[in-house]
Every structure is written in structure tokens, then in C-alpha cells.
Amino acid sequence: MIELTNGMDRRRFVQLLVAGAAVAAAAPASAVARAQTSTAPGKGPAAHHAPPSAAQRKEIESQKKSLADALRVVRDFNLPAGSPPAFVFRALKREGRPR
């Protein structure tokens, strides 16, 4: 049996994977059902949010500026041609009994 790096065997991993996929597939359906039951029939959409205050608008603009500055630094970074990659993938040798 194939042994995963964290000590979990393949069979248990596949069982968890299938269970997670089932939960993920059922989650959107249950969220829709909750949304339909929580809204009484005949009521319109929820009230609109209040417009942001002056302090909130100032903070949003500050964050936009910070993001633009960070992106500018990353984009302007000069990466020389032929430089080594950030990481290199190397497959590990199989441990355990030989085939």
C-alpha cells in the first residue's frame, strides 16, 4: 500500500477526499435552501447598505494606494534573463519495500 508523507495510507486519504467532495457538493444546495426559508414570501430585497463614511472612503483610498505602490515595486523589479527559478521540484525516491 502507498504511504503518504504524513503517515496516512492511501485508502484513508481517498475516503477523506470522497467525503470532502460530497460535503462540497451538498453545501451550495443547503445554502440555497436556507436562503429560501429565511426570507418570507412577498418581502422585497434586503435594505441597501449605507454609503461609506468619510473615514471609510479615506481608508479605502489609502489601501488602493498601498496596493498600487506594491504592484509597482513588483512590476518594476528587474529580473535578469536566465536567472534560476524560485524553486525546483525534485521527486523523492520511493521508500519502503521494492516492487
N, C-alpha and C. Protein backbone atom coordinates (compact mmCIF):
# COMPACT_ATOMS: atom_id res chain seq x y z
N MET A 1 0.84 -1.17 0.00
CA MET A 1 0.00 0.00 0.00
C MET A 1 0.89 1.24 0.00
N ILE A 2 0.49 2.26 -0.73
CA ILE A 2 1.26 3.51 -0.81
C ILE A 2 1.10 4.28 0.49
N GLU A 3 2.19 4.75 1.01
CA GLU A 3 2.19 5.51 2.27
C GLU A 3 2.40 6.98 1.95
N LEU A 4 1.48 7.84 2.38
CA LEU A 4 1.62 9.26 2.17
C LEU A 4 2.63 9.82 3.15
N THR A 5 3.13 11.02 2.88
CA THR A 5 4.20 11.58 3.69
C THR A 5 3.81 11.83 5.14
N ASN A 6 2.53 12.06 5.43
CA ASN A 6 2.14 12.34 6.80
C ASN A 6 1.72 11.09 7.56
N GLY A 7 1.94 9.91 7.01
CA GLY A 7 1.63 8.67 7.70
C GLY A 7 0.24 8.13 7.39
N MET A 8 -0.55 8.83 6.58
CA MET A 8 -1.89 8.38 6.24
C MET A 8 -1.80 7.43 5.05
N ASP A 9 -2.50 6.31 5.12
CA ASP A 9 -2.44 5.39 3.99
C ASP A 9 -3.36 5.86 2.87
N ARG A 10 -3.17 5.32 1.70
CA ARG A 10 -3.88 5.76 0.50
C ARG A 10 -5.38 5.56 0.63
N ARG A 11 -5.81 4.46 1.18
CA ARG A 11 -7.24 4.17 1.31
C ARG A 11 -7.93 5.24 2.17
N ARG A 12 -7.33 5.60 3.29
CA ARG A 12 -7.91 6.61 4.17
C ARG A 12 -7.93 7.98 3.48
N PHE A 13 -6.88 8.29 2.73
CA PHE A 13 -6.82 9.55 2.00
C PHE A 13 -7.96 9.64 0.99
N VAL A 14 -8.18 8.58 0.24
CA VAL A 14 -9.23 8.58 -0.77
C VAL A 14 -10.60 8.69 -0.10
N GLN A 15 -10.80 8.02 1.04
CA GLN A 15 -12.07 8.13 1.76
C GLN A 15 -12.33 9.57 2.19
N LEU A 16 -11.32 10.23 2.72
CA LEU A 16 -11.48 11.62 3.12
C LEU A 16 -11.74 12.53 1.92
N LEU A 17 -11.07 12.24 0.82
CA LEU A 17 -11.27 13.02 -0.39
C LEU A 17 -12.70 12.90 -0.89
N VAL A 18 -13.24 11.70 -0.91
CA VAL A 18 -14.62 11.48 -1.36
C VAL A 18 -15.61 12.14 -0.40
N ALA A 19 -15.37 12.03 0.91
CA ALA A 19 -16.26 12.66 1.89
C ALA A 19 -16.25 14.17 1.73
N GLY A 20 -15.08 14.75 1.51
CA GLY A 20 -14.99 16.20 1.32
C GLY A 20 -15.70 16.65 0.06
N ALA A 21 -15.59 15.87 -1.01
CA ALA A 21 -16.28 16.22 -2.26
C ALA A 21 -17.78 16.16 -2.07
N ALA A 22 -18.27 15.19 -1.30
CA ALA A 22 -19.70 15.08 -1.05
C ALA A 22 -20.20 16.27 -0.24
N VAL A 23 -19.44 16.68 0.74
CA VAL A 23 -19.83 17.84 1.55
C VAL A 23 -19.83 19.10 0.69
N ALA A 24 -18.82 19.26 -0.15
CA ALA A 24 -18.73 20.44 -1.01
C ALA A 24 -19.88 20.47 -2.01
N ALA A 25 -20.28 19.32 -2.51
CA ALA A 25 -21.38 19.27 -3.48
C ALA A 25 -22.71 19.57 -2.80
N ALA A 26 -22.86 19.18 -1.55
CA ALA A 26 -24.12 19.40 -0.83
C ALA A 26 -24.21 20.80 -0.25
N ALA A 27 -23.11 21.46 -0.02
CA ALA A 27 -23.12 22.77 0.64
C ALA A 27 -23.88 23.83 -0.15
N PRO A 28 -23.68 23.98 -1.46
CA PRO A 28 -24.44 25.02 -2.17
C PRO A 28 -25.94 24.77 -2.11
N ALA A 29 -26.36 23.52 -2.21
CA ALA A 29 -27.79 23.22 -2.17
C ALA A 29 -28.39 23.57 -0.81
N SER A 30 -27.68 23.27 0.27
CA SER A 30 -28.21 23.57 1.59
C SER A 30 -28.21 25.08 1.84
N ALA A 31 -27.24 25.81 1.29
CA ALA A 31 -27.21 27.26 1.44
C ALA A 31 -28.40 27.90 0.72
N VAL A 32 -28.75 27.38 -0.45
CA VAL A 32 -29.90 27.90 -1.18
C VAL A 32 -31.18 27.62 -0.41
N ALA A 33 -31.29 26.42 0.16
CA ALA A 33 -32.48 26.07 0.93
C ALA A 33 -32.62 26.98 2.13
N ARG A 34 -31.52 27.27 2.84
CA ARG A 34 -31.58 28.16 4.00
C ARG A 34 -31.99 29.56 3.58
N ALA A 35 -31.46 30.03 2.45
CA ALA A 35 -31.78 31.38 1.99
C ALA A 35 -33.26 31.49 1.62
N GLN A 36 -33.82 30.45 1.04
CA GLN A 36 -35.23 30.49 0.65
C GLN A 36 -36.14 30.44 1.87
N THR A 37 -35.77 29.69 2.89
CA THR A 37 -36.62 29.58 4.07
C THR A 37 -36.48 30.79 4.98
N SER A 38 -35.34 31.49 4.94
CA SER A 38 -35.15 32.62 5.83
C SER A 38 -35.88 33.86 5.35
N THR A 39 -36.17 33.97 4.06
CA THR A 39 -36.87 35.13 3.52
C THR A 39 -38.34 34.79 3.42
N ALA A 40 -39.15 35.60 4.07
CA ALA A 40 -40.59 35.37 4.00
C ALA A 40 -41.08 35.72 2.60
N PRO A 41 -42.08 34.97 2.08
CA PRO A 41 -42.58 35.27 0.74
C PRO A 41 -43.26 36.64 0.72
N GLY A 42 -43.09 37.35 -0.38
CA GLY A 42 -43.72 38.64 -0.53
C GLY A 42 -42.85 39.80 -0.10
N LYS A 43 -41.78 39.55 0.61
CA LYS A 43 -40.90 40.63 1.02
C LYS A 43 -39.91 40.92 -0.10
N GLY A 44 -39.52 42.17 -0.22
CA GLY A 44 -38.57 42.58 -1.24
C GLY A 44 -37.16 42.28 -0.80
N PRO A 45 -36.20 42.75 -1.56
CA PRO A 45 -34.80 42.53 -1.18
C PRO A 45 -34.47 43.26 0.11
N ALA A 46 -33.39 42.85 0.73
CA ALA A 46 -32.97 43.46 1.99
C ALA A 46 -32.65 44.93 1.78
N ALA A 47 -32.65 45.69 2.86
CA ALA A 47 -32.36 47.12 2.78
C ALA A 47 -30.96 47.35 2.24
N HIS A 48 -30.79 48.43 1.52
CA HIS A 48 -29.48 48.75 0.95
C HIS A 48 -28.53 49.17 2.05
N HIS A 49 -27.28 48.92 1.83
CA HIS A 49 -26.27 49.33 2.81
C HIS A 49 -26.10 50.83 2.76
N ALA A 50 -25.76 51.38 3.88
CA ALA A 50 -25.50 52.81 3.94
C ALA A 50 -24.22 53.12 3.18
N PRO A 51 -24.14 54.28 2.56
CA PRO A 51 -22.89 54.63 1.86
C PRO A 51 -21.75 54.74 2.86
N PRO A 52 -20.54 54.47 2.42
CA PRO A 52 -19.40 54.52 3.35
C PRO A 52 -19.19 55.93 3.91
N SER A 53 -18.75 55.98 5.13
CA SER A 53 -18.49 57.27 5.76
C SER A 53 -17.20 57.86 5.19
N ALA A 54 -16.91 59.09 5.56
CA ALA A 54 -15.70 59.76 5.07
C ALA A 54 -14.45 59.01 5.51
N ALA A 55 -14.45 58.50 6.75
CA ALA A 55 -13.29 57.75 7.25
C ALA A 55 -13.11 56.45 6.48
N GLN A 56 -14.22 55.80 6.14
CA GLN A 56 -14.13 54.56 5.39
C GLN A 56 -13.63 54.84 3.97
N ARG A 57 -14.13 55.89 3.35
CA ARG A 57 -13.65 56.23 2.00
C ARG A 57 -12.16 56.55 2.01
N LYS A 58 -11.71 57.26 3.05
CA LYS A 58 -10.30 57.60 3.18
C LYS A 58 -9.45 56.33 3.33
N GLU A 59 -9.92 55.37 4.14
CA GLU A 59 -9.19 54.12 4.34
C GLU A 59 -9.15 53.30 3.04
N ILE A 60 -10.26 53.28 2.33
CA ILE A 60 -10.29 52.53 1.05
C ILE A 60 -9.29 53.13 0.07
N GLU A 61 -9.25 54.45 -0.02
CA GLU A 61 -8.28 55.10 -0.91
C GLU A 61 -6.85 54.82 -0.47
N SER A 62 -6.62 54.80 0.84
CA SER A 62 -5.28 54.50 1.36
C SER A 62 -4.86 53.08 0.99
N GLN A 63 -5.80 52.13 1.12
CA GLN A 63 -5.48 50.74 0.76
C GLN A 63 -5.24 50.59 -0.74
N LYS A 64 -6.03 51.30 -1.54
CA LYS A 64 -5.82 51.25 -3.00
C LYS A 64 -4.43 51.78 -3.36
N LYS A 65 -4.03 52.87 -2.70
CA LYS A 65 -2.71 53.45 -2.97
C LYS A 65 -1.60 52.48 -2.55
N SER A 66 -1.77 51.85 -1.37
CA SER A 66 -0.77 50.88 -0.91
C SER A 66 -0.64 49.72 -1.88
N LEU A 67 -1.77 49.23 -2.37
CA LEU A 67 -1.75 48.12 -3.33
C LEU A 67 -1.07 48.55 -4.62
N ALA A 68 -1.41 49.74 -5.11
CA ALA A 68 -0.79 50.23 -6.35
C ALA A 68 0.71 50.37 -6.18
N ASP A 69 1.15 50.87 -5.02
CA ASP A 69 2.58 51.02 -4.77
C ASP A 69 3.28 49.66 -4.74
N ALA A 70 2.66 48.67 -4.08
CA ALA A 70 3.26 47.34 -4.01
C ALA A 70 3.34 46.71 -5.40
N LEU A 71 2.29 46.85 -6.19
CA LEU A 71 2.30 46.30 -7.54
C LEU A 71 3.36 46.98 -8.40
N ARG A 72 3.54 48.28 -8.22
CA ARG A 72 4.56 49.00 -8.98
C ARG A 72 5.95 48.46 -8.65
N VAL A 73 6.21 48.22 -7.38
CA VAL A 73 7.52 47.70 -6.97
C VAL A 73 7.76 46.32 -7.58
N VAL A 74 6.74 45.46 -7.52
CA VAL A 74 6.89 44.10 -8.06
C VAL A 74 7.10 44.15 -9.57
N ARG A 75 6.32 44.96 -10.25
CA ARG A 75 6.42 45.04 -11.72
C ARG A 75 7.72 45.68 -12.18
N ASP A 76 8.25 46.61 -11.40
CA ASP A 76 9.49 47.30 -11.78
C ASP A 76 10.75 46.52 -11.40
N PHE A 77 10.62 45.41 -10.67
CA PHE A 77 11.78 44.64 -10.26
C PHE A 77 12.44 44.05 -11.49
N ASN A 78 13.73 44.27 -11.63
CA ASN A 78 14.47 43.79 -12.79
C ASN A 78 14.98 42.38 -12.51
N LEU A 79 14.41 41.42 -13.20
CA LEU A 79 14.83 40.03 -13.06
C LEU A 79 15.71 39.70 -14.26
N PRO A 80 17.00 39.43 -14.03
CA PRO A 80 17.89 39.18 -15.16
C PRO A 80 17.50 37.92 -15.94
N ALA A 81 17.74 37.97 -17.24
CA ALA A 81 17.42 36.83 -18.09
C ALA A 81 18.27 35.63 -17.68
N GLY A 82 17.67 34.47 -17.64
CA GLY A 82 18.38 33.24 -17.32
C GLY A 82 18.61 33.05 -15.84
N SER A 83 17.94 33.81 -15.00
CA SER A 83 18.12 33.63 -13.56
C SER A 83 17.47 32.32 -13.12
N PRO A 84 17.95 31.74 -12.03
CA PRO A 84 17.39 30.46 -11.59
C PRO A 84 15.95 30.63 -11.11
N PRO A 85 15.13 29.57 -11.25
CA PRO A 85 13.74 29.66 -10.79
C PRO A 85 13.68 29.77 -9.27
N ALA A 86 12.54 30.21 -8.78
CA ALA A 86 12.36 30.39 -7.35
C ALA A 86 12.41 29.05 -6.61
N PHE A 87 11.96 27.99 -7.25
CA PHE A 87 12.01 26.68 -6.64
C PHE A 87 12.21 25.63 -7.72
N VAL A 88 12.66 24.49 -7.32
CA VAL A 88 12.85 23.38 -8.25
C VAL A 88 12.18 22.16 -7.66
N PHE A 89 11.31 21.50 -8.44
CA PHE A 89 10.65 20.29 -7.98
C PHE A 89 11.53 19.10 -8.29
N ARG A 90 11.78 18.31 -7.27
CA ARG A 90 12.51 17.05 -7.44
C ARG A 90 11.71 15.95 -6.77
N ALA A 91 11.37 14.93 -7.52
CA ALA A 91 10.60 13.82 -6.97
C ALA A 91 11.45 13.06 -5.95
N LEU A 92 10.82 12.66 -4.86
CA LEU A 92 11.52 11.89 -3.85
C LEU A 92 11.54 10.43 -4.24
N LYS A 93 12.59 9.74 -3.85
CA LYS A 93 12.66 8.31 -4.13
C LYS A 93 11.66 7.59 -3.24
N ARG A 94 11.12 6.52 -3.77
CA ARG A 94 10.14 5.75 -3.03
C ARG A 94 10.81 5.02 -1.88
N GLU A 95 10.19 5.12 -0.72
CA GLU A 95 10.70 4.43 0.45
C GLU A 95 9.87 3.16 0.68
N GLY A 96 10.43 2.22 1.35
CA GLY A 96 9.68 1.01 1.65
C GLY A 96 10.16 -0.16 0.82
N ARG A 97 9.29 -1.13 0.72
CA ARG A 97 9.68 -2.36 0.03
C ARG A 97 9.76 -2.14 -1.49
N PRO A 98 10.67 -2.83 -2.14
CA PRO A 98 10.81 -2.70 -3.59
C PRO A 98 9.63 -3.38 -4.29
N ARG A 99 9.39 -2.99 -5.51
CA ARG A 99 8.27 -3.57 -6.27
C ARG A 99 8.51 -4.97 -6.66
